[in-house]
N, C-alpha and C. Protein backbone atom coordinates (compact mmCIF):
# COMPACT_ATOMS: atom_id res chain seq x y z
N UNK A 1 14.53 -0.72 -11.44
CA UNK A 1 13.28 0.02 -11.49
C UNK A 1 13.13 0.80 -10.17
N UNK A 2 12.89 2.11 -10.24
CA UNK A 2 12.73 2.89 -9.01
C UNK A 2 11.43 2.54 -8.29
N UNK A 3 11.43 2.76 -6.99
CA UNK A 3 10.21 2.52 -6.21
C UNK A 3 9.11 3.47 -6.64
N UNK A 4 7.90 2.97 -6.69
CA UNK A 4 6.73 3.80 -7.00
C UNK A 4 6.15 4.23 -5.66
N UNK A 5 6.58 5.37 -5.16
CA UNK A 5 6.13 5.83 -3.85
C UNK A 5 4.95 6.77 -3.98
N UNK A 6 4.00 6.60 -3.11
CA UNK A 6 2.86 7.52 -3.04
C UNK A 6 3.32 8.68 -2.14
N UNK A 7 3.38 9.89 -2.67
CA UNK A 7 3.86 11.02 -1.87
C UNK A 7 2.80 11.58 -0.91
N UNK A 8 3.26 12.32 0.06
CA UNK A 8 2.41 13.10 0.96
C UNK A 8 1.27 12.31 1.60
N UNK A 9 1.58 11.39 2.50
CA UNK A 9 0.50 10.68 3.19
C UNK A 9 -0.33 11.64 4.03
N UNK A 10 -1.61 11.34 4.14
CA UNK A 10 -2.49 12.18 4.94
C UNK A 10 -2.32 11.86 6.42
N UNK A 11 -2.70 12.77 7.31
CA UNK A 11 -2.64 12.48 8.74
C UNK A 11 -3.48 11.25 9.10
N UNK A 12 -4.62 11.07 8.43
CA UNK A 12 -5.47 9.91 8.69
C UNK A 12 -4.74 8.61 8.33
N UNK A 13 -4.07 8.61 7.18
CA UNK A 13 -3.32 7.42 6.77
C UNK A 13 -2.19 7.11 7.76
N UNK A 14 -1.47 8.14 8.18
CA UNK A 14 -0.38 7.93 9.14
C UNK A 14 -0.89 7.40 10.47
N UNK A 15 -2.04 7.89 10.92
CA UNK A 15 -2.62 7.41 12.17
C UNK A 15 -3.00 5.94 12.05
N UNK A 16 -3.56 5.55 10.92
CA UNK A 16 -3.91 4.14 10.70
C UNK A 16 -2.67 3.26 10.76
N UNK A 17 -1.60 3.71 10.15
CA UNK A 17 -0.36 2.92 10.14
C UNK A 17 0.25 2.81 11.52
N UNK A 18 0.21 3.88 12.28
CA UNK A 18 0.74 3.85 13.64
C UNK A 18 -0.02 2.84 14.50
N UNK A 19 -1.29 2.62 14.17
CA UNK A 19 -2.12 1.64 14.90
C UNK A 19 -1.94 0.22 14.36
N UNK A 20 -1.13 0.08 13.30
CA UNK A 20 -0.90 -1.24 12.73
C UNK A 20 -2.00 -1.70 11.80
N UNK A 21 -2.68 -0.77 11.15
CA UNK A 21 -3.80 -1.09 10.26
C UNK A 21 -3.30 -1.50 8.87
N UNK A 22 -2.66 -2.67 8.80
CA UNK A 22 -2.26 -3.25 7.53
C UNK A 22 -2.24 -4.76 7.68
N UNK A 23 -2.21 -5.46 6.56
CA UNK A 23 -2.21 -6.92 6.60
C UNK A 23 -1.25 -7.46 5.54
N UNK A 24 -0.91 -8.73 5.66
CA UNK A 24 -0.02 -9.39 4.70
C UNK A 24 -0.85 -10.00 3.58
N UNK A 25 -0.28 -9.97 2.38
CA UNK A 25 -0.93 -10.57 1.23
C UNK A 25 0.13 -10.90 0.18
N UNK A 26 -0.22 -11.78 -0.71
CA UNK A 26 0.66 -12.13 -1.82
C UNK A 26 0.58 -11.03 -2.88
N UNK A 27 1.71 -10.71 -3.47
CA UNK A 27 1.72 -9.74 -4.56
C UNK A 27 0.98 -10.24 -5.79
N UNK A 28 0.71 -11.56 -5.83
CA UNK A 28 -0.02 -12.14 -6.93
C UNK A 28 -1.53 -12.02 -6.80
N UNK A 29 -2.00 -11.45 -5.68
CA UNK A 29 -3.44 -11.23 -5.51
C UNK A 29 -3.92 -10.19 -6.51
N UNK A 30 -5.19 -10.27 -6.85
CA UNK A 30 -5.80 -9.33 -7.80
C UNK A 30 -6.60 -8.29 -7.03
N UNK A 31 -6.39 -7.03 -7.35
CA UNK A 31 -7.14 -5.93 -6.74
C UNK A 31 -8.59 -6.00 -7.18
N UNK A 32 -9.51 -5.97 -6.23
CA UNK A 32 -10.93 -6.03 -6.55
C UNK A 32 -11.42 -4.77 -7.27
N UNK A 33 -10.71 -3.66 -7.11
CA UNK A 33 -11.14 -2.39 -7.70
C UNK A 33 -10.69 -2.24 -9.15
N UNK A 34 -9.38 -2.47 -9.41
CA UNK A 34 -8.85 -2.21 -10.76
C UNK A 34 -8.50 -3.46 -11.55
N UNK A 35 -8.41 -4.62 -10.87
CA UNK A 35 -8.11 -5.86 -11.56
C UNK A 35 -6.62 -6.11 -11.79
N UNK A 36 -5.76 -5.23 -11.28
CA UNK A 36 -4.32 -5.43 -11.44
C UNK A 36 -3.77 -6.21 -10.25
N UNK A 37 -2.57 -6.77 -10.44
CA UNK A 37 -1.89 -7.45 -9.34
C UNK A 37 -1.52 -6.46 -8.25
N UNK A 38 -1.46 -6.95 -7.03
CA UNK A 38 -1.01 -6.10 -5.93
C UNK A 38 0.40 -5.57 -6.21
N UNK A 39 1.23 -6.38 -6.89
CA UNK A 39 2.59 -5.94 -7.23
C UNK A 39 2.58 -4.66 -8.06
N UNK A 40 1.51 -4.41 -8.79
CA UNK A 40 1.45 -3.25 -9.69
C UNK A 40 0.96 -1.97 -9.02
N UNK A 41 0.72 -2.02 -7.73
CA UNK A 41 0.28 -0.84 -6.98
C UNK A 41 1.48 -0.14 -6.35
N UNK A 42 1.34 1.15 -6.05
CA UNK A 42 2.49 1.89 -5.51
C UNK A 42 2.80 1.51 -4.07
N UNK A 43 4.09 1.64 -3.76
CA UNK A 43 4.50 1.52 -2.36
C UNK A 43 4.03 2.78 -1.65
N UNK A 44 3.93 2.68 -0.33
CA UNK A 44 3.47 3.83 0.42
C UNK A 44 4.65 4.76 0.69
N UNK A 45 4.44 5.85 1.40
CA UNK A 45 5.43 6.89 1.65
C UNK A 45 6.72 6.31 2.24
N UNK A 46 7.77 7.06 2.11
CA UNK A 46 9.13 6.59 2.35
C UNK A 46 9.32 5.80 3.64
N UNK A 47 8.92 6.31 4.77
CA UNK A 47 9.12 5.59 6.03
C UNK A 47 8.37 4.26 6.04
N UNK A 48 7.33 4.16 5.26
CA UNK A 48 6.48 2.96 5.20
C UNK A 48 6.62 2.26 3.85
N UNK A 49 7.77 2.37 3.20
CA UNK A 49 7.94 1.85 1.84
C UNK A 49 7.84 0.32 1.76
N UNK A 50 7.80 -0.36 2.90
CA UNK A 50 7.59 -1.81 2.88
C UNK A 50 6.12 -2.16 2.67
N UNK A 51 5.25 -1.15 2.65
CA UNK A 51 3.82 -1.37 2.44
C UNK A 51 3.39 -0.91 1.06
N UNK A 52 2.40 -1.60 0.53
CA UNK A 52 1.77 -1.24 -0.73
C UNK A 52 0.39 -0.70 -0.41
N UNK A 53 -0.03 0.33 -1.13
CA UNK A 53 -1.37 0.87 -0.92
C UNK A 53 -2.25 0.48 -2.12
N UNK A 54 -3.40 -0.09 -1.81
CA UNK A 54 -4.32 -0.55 -2.84
C UNK A 54 -5.32 0.53 -3.22
N UNK A 55 -6.06 0.30 -4.28
CA UNK A 55 -7.04 1.27 -4.77
C UNK A 55 -8.10 1.61 -3.73
N UNK A 56 -8.46 0.63 -2.88
CA UNK A 56 -9.49 0.88 -1.88
C UNK A 56 -8.94 1.53 -0.61
N UNK A 57 -7.64 1.83 -0.59
CA UNK A 57 -7.03 2.48 0.56
C UNK A 57 -6.41 1.53 1.56
N UNK A 58 -6.56 0.22 1.36
CA UNK A 58 -5.94 -0.75 2.26
C UNK A 58 -4.42 -0.72 2.12
N UNK A 59 -3.73 -0.98 3.22
CA UNK A 59 -2.28 -1.11 3.23
C UNK A 59 -1.95 -2.58 3.36
N UNK A 60 -1.07 -3.09 2.51
CA UNK A 60 -0.67 -4.48 2.58
C UNK A 60 0.84 -4.61 2.56
N UNK A 61 1.33 -5.60 3.28
CA UNK A 61 2.74 -5.95 3.24
C UNK A 61 2.83 -7.19 2.36
N UNK A 62 3.51 -7.06 1.23
CA UNK A 62 3.59 -8.17 0.28
C UNK A 62 4.69 -9.13 0.69
């Protein structure tokens, strides 16, 4: 299965990541916004593909 990458990160998102604005979580957690597993959310842009972006804009490392 190919990676689900979110294209074209915004400058604001990149600045947050450079500051380390992400946290660890289990992929089995449920998103409070859409009700899906964290595993079902897209990975972030290529350089940051180890991170998943949630519906509320949070970045998580699964």
